[in-house]
Amino acid sequence: MKYFILASGSKGNATIIKGPHTKLLIDLGLSLKEYKERLNVFNLEEDRVFAVLFTHKHGDHITTQFNKVANGNIYAPANTLPFAAPYTEVKPYLPFIINEFKITPLPTSHDVSDSVGYILETDEYKVVYMTDTGYISTRNLELMKNADLYIMESNHSPGLLLKTNRPFDLIQRILSDEGHLSNEACAHYLAELVGPRTKHIVLAHLSEEANTPEAALETFDKVFRKYGIDQSKLKVVTANQYVPISGELNEN
């Protein structure tokens, strides 16, 4: 299994998960032109992307061109699409099948209705995609444990966030239970989640103004050291708003 994070951040999100037979897109917060250009970085064919899974209605995750990708094969929570179009509604904790994938939507806590993250499983691998949430519930945590790959929001450093010129009400929203996970919160959740099969962690949706890759990785390392967790077998990277990244789960 492979993953390709084409973009991750407040200006647009798009991730490809490639299974043995099927490529799935999670979110489309890019223009079609930019989406195609970033697919080309990895020689991925647009018409071979089988379906798109949307997480919520914010414009950095779904654009008005949402029905022009994945051959119009759309999965989304209720109240998510910008306008009426054929789609399959996903509901929290109700698994569904797309070819070799079993997919379980998980409700997130964000300042928009019906937002979700996803667990994607094949016979061999388990992937967790969780961004845009102020906290993670106990029920979700139980389902998310011991995945091969975590793509997890590590949005901000609270100290850096408070130093930005953002309006105070926006800062309060980001810090709230309906906002975004901080570096610290992300690291503590991951310390609870990782298991024997975990090999890859992507810290995602980093704020350009209130975070840095170095700060996110340093916080992760500090928390895992505090818990005495062996990091030697973990590949930990940060996703980028502008530069696509990729990884392979079965690499040595």
Protein backbone atom coordinates (compact mmCIF):
# COMPACT_ATOMS: atom_id res chain seq x y z
CA MET A 1 0.00 0.00 0.00
CA LYS A 2 1.18 3.53 -0.79
CA TYR A 3 0.08 7.01 0.19
CA PHE A 4 0.48 10.29 -1.66
CA ILE A 5 -0.28 13.53 0.16
CA LEU A 6 -0.73 16.02 -2.65
CA ALA A 7 -1.50 18.94 -0.33
CA SER A 8 -2.15 19.41 3.36
CA GLY A 9 -3.05 22.68 5.06
CA SER A 10 -5.55 25.52 5.25
CA LYS A 11 -5.12 26.36 1.54
CA GLY A 12 -6.08 22.94 0.23
CA ASN A 13 -6.04 19.23 1.04
CA ALA A 14 -5.85 16.11 -1.12
CA THR A 15 -4.52 12.63 -0.31
CA ILE A 16 -4.35 9.45 -2.39
CA ILE A 17 -4.38 6.04 -0.70
CA LYS A 18 -3.32 3.29 -3.11
CA GLY A 19 -4.33 -0.26 -2.26
CA PRO A 20 -3.49 -3.46 -4.16
CA HIS A 21 -6.11 -2.70 -6.82
CA THR A 22 -7.75 0.63 -6.01
CA LYS A 23 -6.74 4.26 -5.60
CA LEU A 24 -8.91 6.40 -3.33
CA LEU A 25 -8.79 10.18 -2.98
CA ILE A 26 -9.51 11.80 0.37
CA ASP A 27 -10.72 15.39 -0.08
CA LEU A 28 -10.23 17.79 -2.97
CA GLY A 29 -9.33 21.27 -1.79
CA LEU A 30 -7.28 22.06 -4.91
CA SER A 31 -8.25 23.32 -8.33
CA LEU A 32 -8.47 20.61 -10.98
CA LYS A 33 -5.38 22.05 -12.65
CA GLU A 34 -3.35 21.87 -9.44
CA TYR A 35 -4.73 18.43 -8.61
CA LYS A 36 -3.67 17.06 -11.99
CA GLU A 37 -0.23 18.65 -11.75
CA ARG A 38 0.38 17.06 -8.36
CA LEU A 39 -0.82 13.67 -9.57
CA ASN A 40 1.72 13.97 -12.35
CA VAL A 41 4.53 14.36 -9.81
CA PHE A 42 4.00 10.67 -8.99
CA ASN A 43 2.88 9.57 -12.47
CA LEU A 44 -0.61 8.84 -11.13
CA GLU A 45 -3.35 8.67 -13.75
CA GLU A 46 -6.38 10.78 -12.94
CA ASP A 47 -8.91 8.35 -14.43
CA ARG A 48 -7.50 5.49 -12.31
CA VAL A 49 -8.61 7.16 -9.06
CA PHE A 50 -11.70 5.10 -8.28
CA ALA A 51 -13.56 7.19 -5.67
CA VAL A 52 -13.26 10.30 -3.55
CA LEU A 53 -14.05 10.43 0.18
CA PHE A 54 -14.84 13.87 1.58
CA THR A 55 -14.43 14.74 5.24
CA HIS A 56 -16.40 17.99 5.60
CA LYS A 57 -17.69 21.08 3.82
CA HIS A 58 -14.88 23.60 4.38
CA GLY A 59 -13.45 24.96 1.15
CA ASP A 60 -9.92 23.72 1.77
CA HIS A 61 -11.33 20.17 1.69
CA ILE A 62 -14.03 20.33 -0.98
CA THR A 63 -14.28 22.71 -3.94
CA THR A 64 -17.02 23.34 -6.47
CA GLN A 65 -15.17 20.97 -8.82
CA PHE A 66 -15.74 18.06 -6.43
CA ASN A 67 -17.79 16.05 -8.95
CA LYS A 68 -15.15 16.21 -11.68
CA VAL A 69 -12.73 13.76 -10.09
CA ALA A 70 -12.80 10.00 -9.49
CA ASN A 71 -15.31 9.62 -12.33
CA GLY A 72 -17.94 11.26 -10.12
CA ASN A 73 -17.81 8.38 -7.62
CA ILE A 74 -18.39 10.45 -4.47
CA TYR A 75 -18.69 9.49 -0.81
CA ALA A 76 -19.42 12.20 1.75
CA PRO A 77 -21.26 12.97 4.99
CA ALA A 78 -24.62 14.72 4.82
CA ASN A 79 -24.62 18.50 4.31
CA THR A 80 -21.16 18.48 2.76
CA LEU A 81 -21.47 18.97 -1.00
CA PRO A 82 -21.47 22.59 -2.30
CA PHE A 83 -24.43 21.78 -4.55
CA ALA A 84 -26.67 18.83 -5.32
CA ALA A 85 -24.98 15.95 -7.13
CA PRO A 86 -25.17 12.15 -7.04
CA TYR A 87 -23.23 10.78 -4.08
CA THR A 88 -23.18 8.05 -1.45
CA GLU A 89 -23.78 9.32 2.08
CA VAL A 90 -21.40 8.10 4.76
CA LYS A 91 -22.47 7.88 8.39
CA PRO A 92 -20.31 7.71 11.52
CA TYR A 93 -19.35 4.20 12.65
CA LEU A 94 -21.15 2.54 9.72
CA PRO A 95 -18.49 0.71 7.67
CA PHE A 96 -18.82 0.38 3.91
CA ILE A 97 -16.87 -1.40 1.20
CA ILE A 98 -15.08 0.02 -1.83
CA ASN A 99 -13.42 -2.84 -3.69
CA GLU A 100 -10.66 -4.19 -1.39
CA PHE A 101 -11.14 -1.42 1.18
CA LYS A 102 -13.31 -1.52 4.29
CA ILE A 103 -13.89 2.10 5.31
CA THR A 104 -15.19 3.30 8.66
CA PRO A 105 -16.11 6.99 9.07
CA LEU A 106 -15.34 8.49 12.47
CA PRO A 107 -17.10 11.66 13.67
CA THR A 108 -14.79 14.60 14.32
CA SER A 109 -15.30 17.66 16.52
CA HIS A 110 -15.06 20.68 14.23
CA ASP A 111 -16.94 23.92 13.73
CA VAL A 112 -19.05 22.47 10.94
CA SER A 113 -21.76 19.81 10.96
CA ASP A 114 -21.27 16.18 9.95
CA SER A 115 -17.45 16.22 9.72
CA VAL A 116 -15.61 12.90 9.73
CA GLY A 117 -12.23 11.21 9.57
CA TYR A 118 -11.69 7.73 8.13
CA ILE A 119 -10.22 4.34 8.91
CA LEU A 120 -9.29 2.49 5.70
CA GLU A 121 -8.51 -1.22 5.96
CA THR A 122 -7.48 -3.96 3.57
CA ASP A 123 -6.64 -7.56 4.40
CA GLU A 124 -3.08 -6.45 5.14
CA TYR A 125 -3.08 -2.80 6.21
CA LYS A 126 -4.89 -0.27 8.38
CA VAL A 127 -4.73 3.46 7.70
CA VAL A 128 -6.15 6.24 9.88
CA TYR A 129 -6.87 9.68 8.41
CA MET A 130 -7.84 12.22 11.08
CA THR A 131 -7.63 16.01 10.66
CA ASP A 132 -9.74 19.06 11.48
CA THR A 133 -10.87 18.10 14.94
CA GLY A 134 -10.56 19.76 18.34
CA TYR A 135 -10.32 16.47 20.19
CA ILE A 136 -10.64 12.73 19.63
CA SER A 137 -13.28 10.79 21.53
CA THR A 138 -12.58 7.67 23.57
CA ARG A 139 -14.71 5.62 21.18
CA ASN A 140 -12.71 6.85 18.20
CA LEU A 141 -9.41 6.18 19.94
CA GLU A 142 -10.33 2.55 20.54
CA LEU A 143 -11.09 2.07 16.85
CA MET A 144 -7.96 3.92 15.73
CA LYS A 145 -5.41 1.90 17.71
CA ASN A 146 -2.51 0.00 16.16
CA ALA A 147 -2.72 1.24 12.57
CA ASP A 148 0.08 0.82 10.04
CA LEU A 149 -0.19 4.47 9.01
CA TYR A 150 -1.51 7.54 10.80
CA ILE A 151 -2.19 10.75 8.90
CA MET A 152 -2.95 12.94 11.88
CA GLU A 153 -3.52 16.65 12.32
CA SER A 154 -0.72 18.50 14.13
CA ASN A 155 -2.04 21.95 13.34
CA HIS A 156 -0.40 24.46 15.64
CA SER A 157 1.86 25.33 18.49
CA PRO A 158 -0.31 27.21 21.02
CA GLY A 159 2.58 29.55 21.80
CA LEU A 160 3.09 30.43 18.14
CA LEU A 161 -0.65 30.73 17.59
CA LEU A 162 -0.96 33.34 20.34
CA LYS A 163 1.81 35.38 18.71
CA THR A 164 0.03 35.64 15.35
CA ASN A 165 -1.99 38.67 14.26
CA ARG A 166 -5.15 36.61 13.99
CA PRO A 167 -8.34 37.94 15.62
CA PHE A 168 -8.74 36.66 19.17
CA ASP A 169 -12.07 34.99 18.39
CA LEU A 170 -10.35 32.99 15.63
CA ILE A 171 -7.57 31.97 18.01
CA GLN A 172 -10.20 30.86 20.54
CA ARG A 173 -11.97 28.82 17.86
CA ILE A 174 -8.76 27.05 16.84
CA LEU A 175 -7.93 26.24 20.46
CA SER A 176 -11.47 25.03 21.26
CA ASP A 177 -12.90 21.52 21.21
CA GLU A 178 -14.31 22.35 17.76
CA GLY A 179 -11.06 23.65 16.35
CA HIS A 180 -7.79 21.92 15.48
CA LEU A 181 -5.35 19.61 17.26
CA SER A 182 -2.19 21.22 18.60
CA ASN A 183 1.22 19.59 18.27
CA GLU A 184 0.99 18.50 21.90
CA ALA A 185 -2.49 17.02 21.60
CA CYS A 186 -1.57 15.17 18.42
CA ALA A 187 1.56 13.69 19.99
CA HIS A 188 -0.25 12.59 23.15
CA TYR A 189 -3.02 10.93 21.12
CA LEU A 190 -0.47 9.16 18.94
CA ALA A 191 1.39 7.93 22.02
CA GLU A 192 -1.84 6.21 23.03
CA LEU A 193 -2.58 4.90 19.54
CA VAL A 194 0.63 3.44 18.12
CA GLY A 195 1.06 -0.32 18.30
CA PRO A 196 3.31 -3.13 17.08
CA ARG A 197 2.21 -2.73 13.46
CA THR A 198 2.67 1.07 13.33
CA LYS A 199 5.48 2.11 10.98
CA HIS A 200 4.43 5.40 9.37
CA ILE A 201 3.17 8.66 10.88
CA VAL A 202 2.41 11.79 8.89
CA LEU A 203 1.85 14.98 10.86
CA ALA A 204 -0.68 16.85 8.73
CA HIS A 205 -2.55 20.13 8.29
CA LEU A 206 0.28 22.22 9.77
CA SER A 207 -0.52 25.92 10.09
CA GLU A 208 1.77 28.15 8.04
CA GLU A 209 1.52 30.98 10.59
CA ALA A 210 1.28 29.11 13.88
CA ASN A 211 3.53 26.09 13.36
CA THR A 212 6.67 24.78 11.71
CA PRO A 213 7.67 21.25 10.71
CA GLU A 214 10.53 21.49 13.20
CA ALA A 215 8.17 22.43 16.06
CA ALA A 216 5.75 19.60 15.23
CA LEU A 217 8.51 16.98 15.02
CA GLU A 218 10.26 18.25 18.15
CA THR A 219 7.03 18.06 20.15
CA PHE A 220 6.32 14.56 18.84
CA ASP A 221 9.82 13.40 19.83
CA LYS A 222 9.58 15.00 23.28
CA VAL A 223 6.23 13.38 24.07
CA PHE A 224 7.25 9.93 22.82
CA ARG A 225 10.44 10.11 24.86
CA LYS A 226 8.38 11.06 27.91
CA TYR A 227 6.26 7.93 27.42
CA GLY A 228 9.33 5.78 26.76
CA ILE A 229 8.10 4.77 23.29
CA ASP A 230 10.70 3.28 20.93
CA GLN A 231 10.79 5.45 17.81
CA SER A 232 13.46 3.49 15.97
CA LYS A 233 10.97 1.67 13.74
CA LEU A 234 8.79 4.71 13.08
CA LYS A 235 9.03 6.87 9.99
CA VAL A 236 7.66 10.27 11.06
CA VAL A 237 7.30 13.08 8.51
CA THR A 238 5.34 16.29 8.10
CA ALA A 239 2.93 16.91 5.24
CA ASN A 240 3.29 20.06 3.18
CA GLN A 241 0.89 22.58 1.68
CA TYR A 242 2.87 22.98 -1.53
CA VAL A 243 5.22 20.02 -1.96
CA PRO A 244 3.62 16.57 -2.37
CA ILE A 245 5.04 13.69 -0.34
CA SER A 246 4.62 9.93 -0.59
CA GLY A 247 5.37 6.74 1.29
CA GLU A 248 5.07 2.97 1.00
CA LEU A 249 3.86 0.83 3.88
CA ASN A 250 5.56 -2.38 2.85
CA GLU A 251 9.00 -0.85 2.46
CA ASN A 252 11.75 -2.20 4.70
